[in-house]
Amino acid sequence: MSINLRTVYAFAREMYPKTSKETIQYGTAGFRGKAEFLDSVMFRMGVLATLRSRYRGGSVIGVMITASHNPEPDNGVKLVDPKGEMLEASWEAIATDLVNVSDQELEQQVAKIIKDNNIDVTTSSQVFVGMDNRYHSPRLLKAVADGVIALKGNVKEYGIVTTPMLHYFVVAANTKEAYGKPTEEGYYEKLIKAFELLRNGRLENGNYRNSIIYDGANGVGARKMLQFIKRMKGSLNVTVINQGIGVGKINEDCGADYVKVQQRPPKSMPEVEPFTRCVSVDGDADRVVYFFSDDKGEFHLLDGDRIATLVAGYLMELVTQSEINLRLGLVQTAYANGASTDYIVDKLKFPVSCVPTGVKHLHHKALEYDIGVYFEANGHGTIVFSDNAKATIAQAAETKESAKTLLLLIDLINETVGDAISDMLLVETILNHKGWDVQDWISSYNDLPNRQLKVKVQDRNVIETTNAERECVKPEGLQTEINKVVANYKRGRSFVRPSGTEDVVRVYAEAATKEDTDDLAYEVGLLVQKLAGGVGPELTKPNSAHL
């Protein structure tokens, strides 16, 4: 098989010319931006995925077209490596260079990648492509497929799927189906079978009731949950809102990110009894948060930190009962609520590590443990099990019921960087086993009030951080000023970091009271505006006596 790189240039020039001169970077979420500027990016990512597949000896590489929790006009693309992990860091730089060269330089740049990485372009390759349900996704999927075809690669189009489903397909294919069948039906079958075996016919237990409200963010997660319901035969009663079929824009006033940041229920929320369990996923269904309203109508959030503590505690319990010796660890980011970290360390006695924001950092760290639990506060996370853990648990399962439960949990968990539906089924399993309702769950510890702000800046790259993003090293003097402000607040903590996707600086603050938290976030936000080149309107001052 001979490859003519002129074909790549011809495709680009005739069908996918580069129209934007803006430099874009491959970040934690891949490439993301307004959909009308992404055709050339998608074509080039199809080319890169084919090269990556050949570089990895013909292993399947995944390409997911989604902008996750972003608004409907946006779209994005990220590559999935053979084990279901995010693209290797060194290839992020290769991807960034590839999408930013001109059409005239494209052929030369592809030749450089081939030479630098010693890629045999005559070997076979396989690329799996999936997309979310945005109206521009089919057009962008075709661009990716054409990028694969331009290098005579093999492409399999899965159509509309969640991001975690595509990760699952890639792993299943690369493990010769040891992980599961690389089909949509195989995905449903694996998770539902494990879930129903864990339920063992016991649908309700103690305070646990077998029904939830599910906010699908008008995204693909709503469609797939409807498919789960058809196949689950009542083992979990789910009412799906924000289905995105005919009405409602993806992520608009709904979904995990909206519920987490706005601290309120999504739109279309029906009238429900107090303490009804509700769950929100994001647009591509890799994030999940729980919430409920109490008998006074007050909103309560159970976010990724809450899920992490629930899961960690349950796994610790099962490992102890199974009398097996495994290294357990929980990985968080700086966004984790301070109260959750205290609870995990002091009460659960569970080792905790802190890493920079972004699932790839958490996933990498979690792999250092036999059982690694990780969740970002936004609800993105999973649990990974080492080969040693799986073998040890399987051996113990011959005599211990608790180890049998652990084996089933491994099948229920999608270990490939976070799956909102799989995580939700895991939470439901644990709550059922414990006989807990949301009141039992939330009473384990009291969250510190927290607040997030976005500060618009001319260039987000003026902010540089260290210590897992908890300290700012540039611009000089900003961290010193932040420290001075934080010192004025009881249990105060605040940090700033550049956004991975837009020219804003993200401010996080927490303190002993909501008023103090609002004031702290405002004061730190003003410092960012002053010292990091803020643009746009000045921040709104909270009504507080503290200032």
Protein backbone atom coordinates (compact mmCIF):
# COMPACT_ATOMS: atom_id res chain seq x y z
CA MET A 1 0.00 0.00 0.00
CA SER A 2 1.51 3.30 -1.07
CA ILE A 3 0.49 6.64 0.43
CA ASN A 4 0.57 9.88 -1.54
CA LEU A 5 0.71 12.78 0.89
CA ARG A 6 -0.45 15.11 -1.87
CA THR A 7 -3.89 13.59 -1.26
CA VAL A 8 -3.89 15.10 2.24
CA TYR A 9 -3.17 18.56 0.82
CA ALA A 10 -5.77 18.12 -1.94
CA PHE A 11 -8.49 17.18 0.58
CA ALA A 12 -7.54 20.14 2.77
CA ARG A 13 -7.46 22.67 -0.06
CA GLU A 14 -10.66 21.54 -1.79
CA MET A 15 -12.88 20.49 1.12
CA TYR A 16 -11.39 21.55 4.46
CA PRO A 17 -9.37 24.73 3.98
CA LYS A 18 -8.03 26.38 7.13
CA THR A 19 -10.14 29.54 7.57
CA SER A 20 -9.04 30.74 11.00
CA LYS A 21 -5.68 32.33 11.79
CA GLU A 22 -6.21 31.96 15.54
CA THR A 23 -3.69 29.67 17.20
CA ILE A 24 -5.42 26.89 19.13
CA GLN A 25 -3.95 24.45 21.63
CA TYR A 26 -4.77 20.84 22.42
CA GLY A 27 -5.83 21.14 26.05
CA THR A 28 -7.34 18.83 28.67
CA ALA A 29 -10.51 18.74 26.57
CA GLY A 30 -8.75 18.42 23.20
CA PHE A 31 -9.60 21.18 20.70
CA ARG A 32 -12.75 23.17 21.36
CA GLY A 33 -14.36 26.26 19.86
CA LYS A 34 -17.09 27.60 17.57
CA ALA A 35 -18.21 24.81 15.22
CA GLU A 36 -17.89 26.89 12.02
CA PHE A 37 -14.11 27.10 12.46
CA LEU A 38 -13.47 23.42 13.18
CA ASP A 39 -13.78 21.64 9.81
CA SER A 40 -10.05 21.83 9.06
CA VAL A 41 -9.22 20.82 12.65
CA MET A 42 -11.44 17.73 12.36
CA PHE A 43 -9.93 16.69 9.02
CA ARG A 44 -6.42 16.99 10.43
CA MET A 45 -7.38 15.02 13.56
CA GLY A 46 -8.57 12.22 11.29
CA VAL A 47 -5.12 12.28 9.69
CA LEU A 48 -3.40 12.33 13.09
CA ALA A 49 -5.53 9.49 14.50
CA THR A 50 -4.54 7.32 11.52
CA LEU A 51 -0.86 8.08 12.08
CA ARG A 52 -1.26 7.41 15.80
CA SER A 53 -2.91 4.04 15.10
CA ARG A 54 0.00 3.02 12.84
CA TYR A 55 2.48 4.29 15.44
CA ARG A 56 0.77 2.05 18.02
CA GLY A 57 1.05 -1.05 15.84
CA GLY A 58 -2.43 -0.88 14.33
CA SER A 59 -4.27 -0.51 17.66
CA VAL A 60 -7.65 1.21 17.52
CA ILE A 61 -7.55 4.97 18.19
CA GLY A 62 -10.76 6.82 19.04
CA VAL A 63 -11.89 10.27 17.92
CA MET A 64 -14.77 11.86 19.84
CA ILE A 65 -16.55 14.90 18.45
CA THR A 66 -18.08 16.86 21.32
CA ALA A 67 -17.88 20.12 23.22
CA SER A 68 -19.09 18.39 26.40
CA HIS A 69 -20.71 20.97 28.71
CA ASN A 70 -20.16 23.94 26.35
CA PRO A 71 -23.12 25.76 24.69
CA GLU A 72 -24.72 24.44 21.51
CA PRO A 73 -22.78 26.61 18.96
CA ASP A 74 -19.48 25.08 20.17
CA ASN A 75 -17.96 21.77 19.24
CA GLY A 76 -14.67 20.00 19.84
CA VAL A 77 -12.58 16.92 19.27
CA LYS A 78 -10.39 14.69 21.40
CA LEU A 79 -8.40 11.56 20.67
CA VAL A 80 -8.62 8.36 22.68
CA ASP A 81 -5.51 6.18 23.08
CA PRO A 82 -5.62 2.33 22.94
CA LYS A 83 -6.27 1.71 26.65
CA GLY A 84 -9.11 4.24 26.67
CA GLU A 85 -6.94 6.96 28.15
CA MET A 86 -6.50 10.52 26.88
CA LEU A 87 -3.97 11.16 24.11
CA GLU A 88 -0.35 10.85 25.24
CA ALA A 89 1.03 14.27 26.31
CA SER A 90 3.87 14.34 23.74
CA TRP A 91 1.31 13.89 20.96
CA GLU A 92 -0.75 16.83 22.23
CA ALA A 93 2.10 19.05 21.01
CA ILE A 94 2.13 17.19 17.67
CA ALA A 95 -1.65 17.74 17.37
CA THR A 96 -1.29 21.45 18.18
CA ASP A 97 1.40 21.91 15.51
CA LEU A 98 -0.62 19.99 12.93
CA VAL A 99 -3.81 22.04 13.23
CA ASN A 100 -2.00 25.39 13.23
CA VAL A 101 0.11 25.06 10.05
CA SER A 102 -1.22 26.54 6.81
CA ASP A 103 -2.74 24.35 4.10
CA GLN A 104 0.43 24.84 2.02
CA GLU A 105 2.58 23.50 4.90
CA LEU A 106 0.27 20.60 5.77
CA GLU A 107 1.84 17.95 3.53
CA GLN A 108 5.31 18.80 4.86
CA GLN A 109 4.08 18.70 8.47
CA VAL A 110 2.52 15.26 8.01
CA ALA A 111 5.78 14.03 6.46
CA LYS A 112 7.65 15.40 9.50
CA ILE A 113 5.39 13.51 11.94
CA ILE A 114 5.94 10.30 9.97
CA LYS A 115 9.72 10.76 9.93
CA ASP A 116 10.12 11.96 13.55
CA ASN A 117 8.10 9.03 14.89
CA ASN A 118 9.40 6.41 12.47
CA ILE A 119 5.87 5.50 11.33
CA ASP A 120 5.42 2.80 8.69
CA VAL A 121 2.58 4.26 6.62
CA THR A 122 2.10 1.00 4.72
CA THR A 123 0.75 -0.82 7.80
CA SER A 124 -2.93 -1.14 8.72
CA SER A 125 -4.73 1.32 10.98
CA GLN A 126 -8.14 1.54 12.65
CA VAL A 127 -9.96 4.65 13.86
CA PHE A 128 -13.31 4.66 15.71
CA VAL A 129 -15.31 7.91 15.51
CA GLY A 130 -18.27 9.01 17.62
CA MET A 131 -20.16 12.27 18.06
CA ASP A 132 -22.61 14.01 20.35
CA ASN A 133 -26.03 15.20 19.17
CA ARG A 134 -25.20 18.81 18.17
CA TYR A 135 -26.61 19.71 14.76
CA HIS A 136 -23.12 20.34 13.32
CA SER A 137 -21.58 17.09 14.58
CA PRO A 138 -22.44 14.97 11.48
CA ARG A 139 -20.62 17.45 9.22
CA LEU A 140 -17.56 17.39 11.48
CA LEU A 141 -17.63 13.58 11.70
CA LYS A 142 -17.40 13.41 7.90
CA ALA A 143 -14.32 15.65 8.06
CA VAL A 144 -12.63 13.27 10.53
CA ALA A 145 -13.53 10.26 8.35
CA ASP A 146 -12.10 12.00 5.27
CA GLY A 147 -8.87 12.62 7.19
CA VAL A 148 -8.60 8.87 7.82
CA ILE A 149 -9.44 8.03 4.20
CA ALA A 150 -6.83 10.51 2.90
CA LEU A 151 -4.15 8.27 4.45
CA LYS A 152 -5.90 5.04 3.36
CA GLY A 153 -6.83 4.17 6.94
CA ASN A 154 -9.84 2.18 8.15
CA VAL A 155 -12.60 4.11 9.88
CA LYS A 156 -15.62 2.89 11.83
CA GLU A 157 -18.37 5.43 12.50
CA TYR A 158 -20.47 4.85 15.63
CA GLY A 159 -22.72 7.87 15.09
CA ILE A 160 -24.28 9.46 18.17
CA VAL A 161 -22.73 8.03 21.35
CA THR A 162 -21.60 9.32 24.72
CA THR A 163 -17.90 10.07 25.16
CA PRO A 164 -17.51 7.18 27.67
CA MET A 165 -19.13 4.79 25.21
CA LEU A 166 -16.49 5.60 22.59
CA HIS A 167 -13.73 5.06 25.18
CA TYR A 168 -15.37 1.71 26.01
CA PHE A 169 -15.50 0.67 22.31
CA VAL A 170 -11.78 1.46 21.89
CA VAL A 171 -10.72 -0.59 24.93
CA ALA A 172 -13.07 -3.47 24.10
CA ALA A 173 -11.69 -3.72 20.56
CA ASN A 174 -8.06 -3.46 21.67
CA THR A 175 -8.46 -6.12 24.37
CA LYS A 176 -10.08 -8.56 21.92
CA GLU A 177 -13.40 -8.21 23.82
CA ALA A 178 -11.90 -9.07 27.24
CA TYR A 179 -13.32 -5.71 28.44
CA GLY A 180 -16.63 -6.26 26.65
CA LYS A 181 -18.10 -6.31 23.16
CA PRO A 182 -17.21 -3.15 21.17
CA THR A 183 -20.83 -2.44 20.26
CA GLU A 184 -23.55 -0.24 21.69
CA GLU A 185 -25.54 -3.32 22.69
CA GLY A 186 -22.42 -4.81 24.30
CA TYR A 187 -22.03 -1.66 26.41
CA TYR A 188 -25.63 -1.77 27.68
CA GLU A 189 -25.40 -5.49 28.32
CA LYS A 190 -22.20 -5.31 30.41
CA LEU A 191 -23.39 -2.50 32.73
CA ILE A 192 -26.97 -3.69 33.15
CA LYS A 193 -25.98 -7.28 33.88
CA ALA A 194 -23.57 -6.20 36.64
CA PHE A 195 -26.07 -3.70 38.06
CA GLU A 196 -28.91 -6.22 38.25
CA LEU A 197 -26.71 -8.93 39.78
CA LEU A 198 -25.60 -6.44 42.44
CA ARG A 199 -29.23 -5.53 43.12
CA ASN A 200 -30.05 -9.23 43.45
CA GLY A 201 -33.78 -8.51 43.25
CA ARG A 202 -33.68 -6.12 46.23
CA LEU A 203 -34.96 -2.89 44.71
CA GLU A 204 -35.56 -1.01 47.97
CA ASN A 205 -33.73 -1.22 51.29
CA GLY A 206 -34.01 0.84 54.47
CA ASN A 207 -34.39 4.51 53.50
CA TYR A 208 -33.45 3.83 49.86
CA ARG A 209 -36.23 4.22 47.28
CA ASN A 210 -35.89 2.84 43.77
CA SER A 211 -36.61 5.97 41.71
CA ILE A 212 -34.69 9.00 40.46
CA ILE A 213 -35.16 12.08 38.28
CA TYR A 214 -32.51 12.19 35.52
CA ASP A 215 -31.57 15.48 33.81
CA GLY A 216 -30.04 14.57 30.45
CA ALA A 217 -28.83 18.12 29.58
CA ASN A 218 -30.65 17.83 26.21
CA GLY A 219 -27.59 15.80 25.20
CA VAL A 220 -26.66 12.32 24.15
CA GLY A 221 -26.81 11.10 27.76
CA ALA A 222 -30.59 11.55 27.70
CA ARG A 223 -30.97 9.42 24.57
CA LYS A 224 -28.79 6.65 25.94
CA MET A 225 -30.55 6.64 29.31
CA LEU A 226 -33.83 6.05 27.47
CA GLN A 227 -32.15 3.03 25.84
CA PHE A 228 -31.01 1.79 29.28
CA ILE A 229 -34.56 2.10 30.65
CA LYS A 230 -35.92 -0.09 27.81
CA ARG A 231 -33.47 -2.83 28.73
CA MET A 232 -33.52 -2.59 32.55
CA LYS A 233 -37.06 -3.90 33.10
CA GLY A 234 -37.72 -1.86 36.23
CA SER A 235 -34.52 -2.56 38.17
CA LEU A 236 -34.25 1.25 38.46
CA ASN A 237 -37.17 3.61 37.89
CA VAL A 238 -35.82 6.64 36.00
CA THR A 239 -37.75 9.73 34.90
CA VAL A 240 -35.77 11.50 32.15
CA ILE A 241 -36.10 15.28 31.78
CA ASN A 242 -34.33 17.55 29.27
CA GLN A 243 -34.32 14.79 26.68
CA GLY A 244 -33.27 17.12 23.84
CA ILE A 245 -35.61 15.52 21.36
CA GLY A 246 -37.40 18.30 19.47
CA VAL A 247 -37.06 20.95 22.19
CA GLY A 248 -34.27 22.34 24.35
CA LYS A 249 -30.69 23.20 23.49
CA ILE A 250 -27.80 21.12 24.76
CA ASN A 251 -26.60 22.32 28.21
CA GLU A 252 -28.88 25.39 28.17
CA ASP A 253 -29.95 25.99 31.80
CA CYS A 254 -29.54 22.30 32.51
CA GLY A 255 -26.93 19.58 32.91
CA ALA A 256 -24.23 18.80 35.47
CA ASP A 257 -22.16 21.95 34.90
CA TYR A 258 -25.18 24.25 35.22
CA VAL A 259 -26.43 22.55 38.39
CA LYS A 260 -22.94 22.50 39.95
CA VAL A 261 -21.98 26.12 39.17
CA GLN A 262 -25.40 27.78 39.57
CA GLN A 263 -26.31 25.67 42.63
CA ARG A 264 -29.90 25.28 41.47
CA PRO A 265 -32.11 22.67 39.77
CA PRO A 266 -32.17 22.52 35.95
CA LYS A 267 -35.03 23.86 33.85
CA SER A 268 -37.99 21.55 33.23
CA MET A 269 -37.65 20.19 36.75
CA PRO A 270 -41.02 18.68 37.74
CA GLU A 271 -42.70 19.14 41.12
CA VAL A 272 -41.32 16.37 43.31
CA GLU A 273 -41.50 15.33 46.94
CA PRO A 274 -38.82 16.78 49.25
CA PHE A 275 -35.61 14.69 49.37
CA THR A 276 -36.26 13.09 45.96
CA ARG A 277 -32.98 11.89 44.47
CA CYS A 278 -32.15 13.81 41.29
CA VAL A 279 -29.17 13.47 39.00
CA SER A 280 -27.70 15.64 36.22
CA VAL A 281 -25.21 14.62 33.54
CA ASP A 282 -23.44 16.91 31.07
CA GLY A 283 -23.79 17.15 27.29
CA ASP A 284 -21.57 14.16 26.47
CA ALA A 285 -22.38 12.20 29.66
CA ASP A 286 -18.97 11.96 31.29
CA ARG A 287 -19.89 14.09 34.33
CA VAL A 288 -22.56 13.43 36.94
CA VAL A 289 -23.81 15.25 40.03
CA TYR A 290 -26.71 14.53 42.39
CA PHE A 291 -29.03 17.09 43.99
CA PHE A 292 -32.26 17.39 45.96
CA SER A 293 -34.51 19.95 47.65
CA ASP A 294 -35.38 19.61 51.34
CA ASP A 295 -38.75 20.14 53.04
CA LYS A 296 -38.06 23.90 53.19
CA GLY A 297 -37.45 24.05 49.45
CA GLU A 298 -33.69 24.59 49.88
CA PHE A 299 -31.38 23.20 47.19
CA HIS A 300 -28.62 20.71 48.14
CA LEU A 301 -25.82 19.48 45.87
CA LEU A 302 -24.02 16.13 46.04
CA ASP A 303 -21.11 16.67 43.66
CA GLY A 304 -18.03 14.73 42.61
CA ASP A 305 -16.47 15.09 46.07
CA ARG A 306 -19.54 13.49 47.63
CA ILE A 307 -19.50 10.67 45.08
CA ALA A 308 -15.78 10.11 45.73
CA THR A 309 -16.24 9.85 49.50
CA LEU A 310 -19.24 7.52 49.13
CA VAL A 311 -17.36 5.23 46.74
CA ALA A 312 -14.08 5.30 48.68
CA GLY A 313 -15.80 4.42 51.94
CA TYR A 314 -17.68 1.52 50.36
CA LEU A 315 -14.61 0.10 48.62
CA MET A 316 -12.59 0.33 51.84
CA GLU A 317 -15.37 -1.57 53.63
CA LEU A 318 -15.45 -4.37 51.02
CA VAL A 319 -11.65 -4.71 50.86
CA THR A 320 -11.49 -4.94 54.67
CA GLN A 321 -14.27 -7.57 54.76
CA SER A 322 -12.52 -9.54 52.00
CA GLU A 323 -9.32 -9.62 54.09
CA ILE A 324 -7.12 -8.74 51.12
CA ASN A 325 -4.08 -6.49 51.06
CA LEU A 326 -4.41 -3.82 48.35
CA ARG A 327 -3.14 -0.22 48.03
CA LEU A 328 -6.12 2.13 47.88
CA GLY A 329 -5.89 5.82 47.04
CA LEU A 330 -8.15 8.76 46.22
CA VAL A 331 -7.07 11.51 43.80
CA GLN A 332 -8.52 15.03 43.93
CA THR A 333 -7.84 18.45 42.42
CA ALA A 334 -7.61 21.83 44.12
CA TYR A 335 -11.36 22.23 43.45
CA ALA A 336 -12.19 19.48 45.95
CA ASN A 337 -14.08 20.89 48.92
CA GLY A 338 -11.78 21.16 51.94
CA ALA A 339 -14.37 19.43 54.14
CA SER A 340 -14.38 16.38 51.84
CA THR A 341 -10.59 16.08 52.04
CA ASP A 342 -10.71 16.32 55.84
CA TYR A 343 -13.40 13.61 55.96
CA ILE A 344 -11.50 11.24 53.66
CA VAL A 345 -8.21 11.62 55.54
CA ASP A 346 -9.48 11.85 59.14
CA LYS A 347 -12.57 9.61 59.10
CA LEU A 348 -12.07 7.13 56.26
CA LYS A 349 -8.27 6.99 56.70
CA PHE A 350 -8.03 6.86 52.91
CA PRO A 351 -4.78 8.19 51.31
CA VAL A 352 -5.36 11.36 49.24
CA SER A 353 -3.27 12.88 46.42
CA CYS A 354 -3.82 16.26 44.75
CA VAL A 355 -3.07 16.84 41.05
CA PRO A 356 -3.71 19.62 38.48
CA THR A 357 -7.20 20.01 37.01
CA GLY A 358 -8.01 17.70 34.11
CA VAL A 359 -9.06 14.08 34.06
CA LYS A 360 -5.84 12.93 32.38
CA HIS A 361 -3.86 14.06 35.47
CA LEU A 362 -6.21 12.29 37.88
CA HIS A 363 -6.33 9.12 35.79
CA HIS A 364 -2.54 8.91 35.55
CA LYS A 365 -2.13 9.30 39.32
CA ALA A 366 -4.91 6.80 40.09
CA LEU A 367 -3.04 4.13 38.11
CA GLU A 368 -0.34 4.19 40.81
CA TYR A 369 -2.71 2.39 43.23
CA ASP A 370 -4.22 -1.10 43.19
CA ILE A 371 -7.60 0.62 43.49
CA GLY A 372 -7.50 4.28 42.48
CA VAL A 373 -10.59 6.44 42.99
CA TYR A 374 -10.74 9.84 41.34
CA PHE A 375 -13.44 12.44 40.88
CA GLU A 376 -13.25 16.10 40.07
CA ALA A 377 -15.71 18.22 42.03
CA ASN A 378 -17.60 18.73 38.73
CA GLY A 379 -18.57 15.03 38.77
CA HIS A 380 -16.05 13.69 36.26
CA GLY A 381 -14.34 10.55 37.50
CA THR A 382 -14.15 6.79 37.89
CA ILE A 383 -12.30 3.98 39.67
CA VAL A 384 -9.40 2.02 38.19
CA PHE A 385 -8.25 -1.44 39.25
CA SER A 386 -4.75 -2.81 38.67
CA ASP A 387 -4.23 -6.29 37.25
CA ASN A 388 -2.95 -7.29 40.69
CA ALA A 389 -6.18 -6.03 42.30
CA LYS A 390 -8.35 -7.95 39.84
CA ALA A 391 -6.42 -11.18 40.37
CA THR A 392 -6.40 -10.79 44.16
CA ILE A 393 -10.13 -10.02 44.29
CA ALA A 394 -10.96 -12.94 41.96
CA GLN A 395 -9.08 -15.34 44.23
CA ALA A 396 -10.79 -14.01 47.37
CA ALA A 397 -14.20 -14.27 45.64
CA GLU A 398 -13.96 -18.06 45.86
CA THR A 399 -14.73 -17.83 49.59
CA LYS A 400 -15.80 -14.25 50.39
CA GLU A 401 -19.16 -12.68 49.45
CA SER A 402 -17.67 -9.18 49.82
CA ALA A 403 -15.03 -10.05 47.19
CA LYS A 404 -17.79 -11.34 44.85
CA THR A 405 -19.44 -7.95 45.24
CA LEU A 406 -16.12 -6.26 44.34
CA LEU A 407 -15.85 -8.38 41.17
CA LEU A 408 -19.32 -7.29 40.06
CA LEU A 409 -18.45 -3.66 40.83
CA ILE A 410 -15.45 -3.92 38.50
CA ASP A 411 -17.84 -4.92 35.69
CA LEU A 412 -20.24 -2.08 36.55
CA ILE A 413 -17.49 0.54 36.50
CA ASN A 414 -16.31 1.94 33.15
CA GLU A 415 -12.63 2.42 34.02
CA THR A 416 -11.94 4.63 30.99
CA VAL A 417 -11.76 8.18 32.40
CA GLY A 418 -15.29 8.64 33.68
CA ASP A 419 -18.81 7.64 32.64
CA ALA A 420 -21.82 9.52 34.03
CA ILE A 421 -24.27 6.63 33.56
CA SER A 422 -21.91 3.96 34.92
CA ASP A 423 -21.07 6.23 37.89
CA MET A 424 -24.77 6.84 38.55
CA LEU A 425 -25.48 3.10 38.58
CA LEU A 426 -22.55 2.66 40.99
CA VAL A 427 -23.92 5.32 43.36
CA GLU A 428 -27.39 3.74 43.21
CA THR A 429 -25.85 0.36 44.04
CA ILE A 430 -24.00 1.70 47.08
CA LEU A 431 -26.98 3.67 48.41
CA ASN A 432 -29.17 0.58 48.02
CA HIS A 433 -26.65 -1.65 49.83
CA LYS A 434 -26.37 0.87 52.66
CA GLY A 435 -30.12 1.56 52.81
CA TRP A 436 -29.41 5.30 52.49
CA ASP A 437 -31.44 8.17 51.12
CA VAL A 438 -29.96 11.58 50.25
CA GLN A 439 -30.29 12.76 53.86
CA ASP A 440 -28.14 9.88 55.09
CA TRP A 441 -25.61 10.53 52.35
CA ILE A 442 -25.26 14.28 52.85
CA SER A 443 -25.06 14.04 56.64
CA SER A 444 -21.64 12.30 56.54
CA TYR A 445 -19.93 15.73 56.61
CA ASN A 446 -20.78 19.40 56.05
CA ASP A 447 -19.39 21.04 52.91
CA LEU A 448 -17.63 24.38 53.23
CA PRO A 449 -19.44 27.06 51.21
CA ASN A 450 -17.61 27.63 47.92
CA ARG A 451 -17.79 30.00 45.00
CA GLN A 452 -16.34 30.08 41.50
CA LEU A 453 -15.86 33.17 39.35
CA LYS A 454 -14.63 33.77 35.82
CA VAL A 455 -12.50 36.88 35.26
CA LYS A 456 -12.06 37.92 31.62
CA VAL A 457 -8.46 38.70 30.72
CA GLN A 458 -6.62 39.68 27.56
CA ASP A 459 -4.35 36.62 27.71
CA ARG A 460 -4.97 33.76 30.12
CA ASN A 461 -1.38 32.57 29.69
CA VAL A 462 -0.09 35.41 31.90
CA ILE A 463 -1.24 33.18 34.78
CA GLU A 464 1.17 30.36 35.65
CA THR A 465 0.64 27.97 38.56
CA THR A 466 2.44 25.28 40.53
CA ASN A 467 1.68 22.80 43.35
CA ALA A 468 -1.25 21.17 41.50
CA GLU A 469 -2.53 24.66 40.52
CA ARG A 470 -2.90 25.75 44.13
CA GLU A 471 -0.20 28.43 43.93
CA CYS A 472 0.23 31.20 41.36
CA VAL A 473 3.83 31.93 40.32
CA LYS A 474 3.05 34.50 37.61
CA PRO A 475 2.29 37.36 37.48
CA GLU A 476 4.76 38.11 40.25
CA GLY A 477 3.20 39.25 43.49
CA LEU A 478 -0.33 37.96 42.80
CA GLN A 479 -0.02 34.94 45.11
CA THR A 480 1.35 37.13 47.92
CA GLU A 481 -1.70 39.40 47.63
CA ILE A 482 -4.06 36.39 47.52
CA ASN A 483 -2.44 35.01 50.70
CA LYS A 484 -3.01 38.34 52.49
CA VAL A 485 -6.70 38.35 51.55
CA VAL A 486 -7.24 34.67 52.46
CA ALA A 487 -5.73 35.27 55.92
CA ASN A 488 -8.70 37.53 56.77
CA TYR A 489 -11.25 34.70 56.49
CA LYS A 490 -11.95 31.78 58.82
CA ARG A 491 -11.21 28.47 57.00
CA GLY A 492 -10.43 30.58 53.95
CA ARG A 493 -8.89 29.05 50.84
CA SER A 494 -8.63 30.45 47.33
CA PHE A 495 -6.66 29.82 44.16
CA VAL A 496 -6.65 31.05 40.57
CA ARG A 497 -5.86 29.21 37.34
CA PRO A 498 -6.13 29.93 33.62
CA SER A 499 -9.05 28.32 31.82
CA GLY A 500 -8.14 25.52 29.44
CA THR A 501 -10.67 26.62 26.83
CA GLU A 502 -11.25 30.41 26.93
CA ASP A 503 -9.47 33.65 27.83
CA VAL A 504 -10.64 33.78 31.40
CA VAL A 505 -9.01 33.17 34.76
CA ARG A 506 -10.99 30.90 37.06
CA VAL A 507 -11.21 31.93 40.71
CA TYR A 508 -12.13 29.42 43.40
CA ALA A 509 -12.87 30.39 47.00
CA GLU A 510 -14.18 28.69 50.11
CA ALA A 511 -14.63 29.89 53.70
CA ALA A 512 -16.60 29.18 56.88
CA THR A 513 -19.76 31.07 55.77
CA LYS A 514 -21.45 31.80 52.44
CA GLU A 515 -21.06 35.56 52.96
CA ASP A 516 -17.35 35.21 53.64
CA THR A 517 -16.96 32.94 50.61
CA ASP A 518 -18.65 35.48 48.31
CA ASP A 519 -16.50 38.28 49.69
CA LEU A 520 -13.29 36.26 49.36
CA ALA A 521 -14.04 35.31 45.75
CA TYR A 522 -14.81 38.97 44.94
CA GLU A 523 -11.59 40.25 46.53
CA VAL A 524 -9.43 37.67 44.76
CA GLY A 525 -11.26 38.38 41.49
CA LEU A 526 -10.39 42.08 41.83
CA LEU A 527 -6.74 41.16 42.35
CA VAL A 528 -6.79 39.12 39.14
CA GLN A 529 -8.37 42.01 37.24
CA LYS A 530 -5.75 44.39 38.56
CA LEU A 531 -2.61 42.21 38.21
CA ALA A 532 -3.43 39.89 35.29
CA GLY A 533 -4.80 42.30 32.69
CA GLY A 534 -8.51 41.99 33.28
CA VAL A 535 -10.89 43.22 30.57
CA GLY A 536 -14.62 43.85 30.55
CA PRO A 537 -16.90 45.08 33.34
CA GLU A 538 -15.68 45.17 36.93
CA LEU A 539 -16.90 42.41 39.21
CA THR A 540 -20.13 42.99 41.10
CA LYS A 541 -19.55 43.69 44.77
CA PRO A 542 -21.44 41.35 47.14
CA ASN A 543 -23.75 42.85 49.75
CA SER A 544 -21.68 42.16 52.83
CA ALA A 545 -20.45 43.87 55.94
CA HIS A 546 -17.10 42.08 55.64
CA LEU A 547 -15.79 44.40 52.91
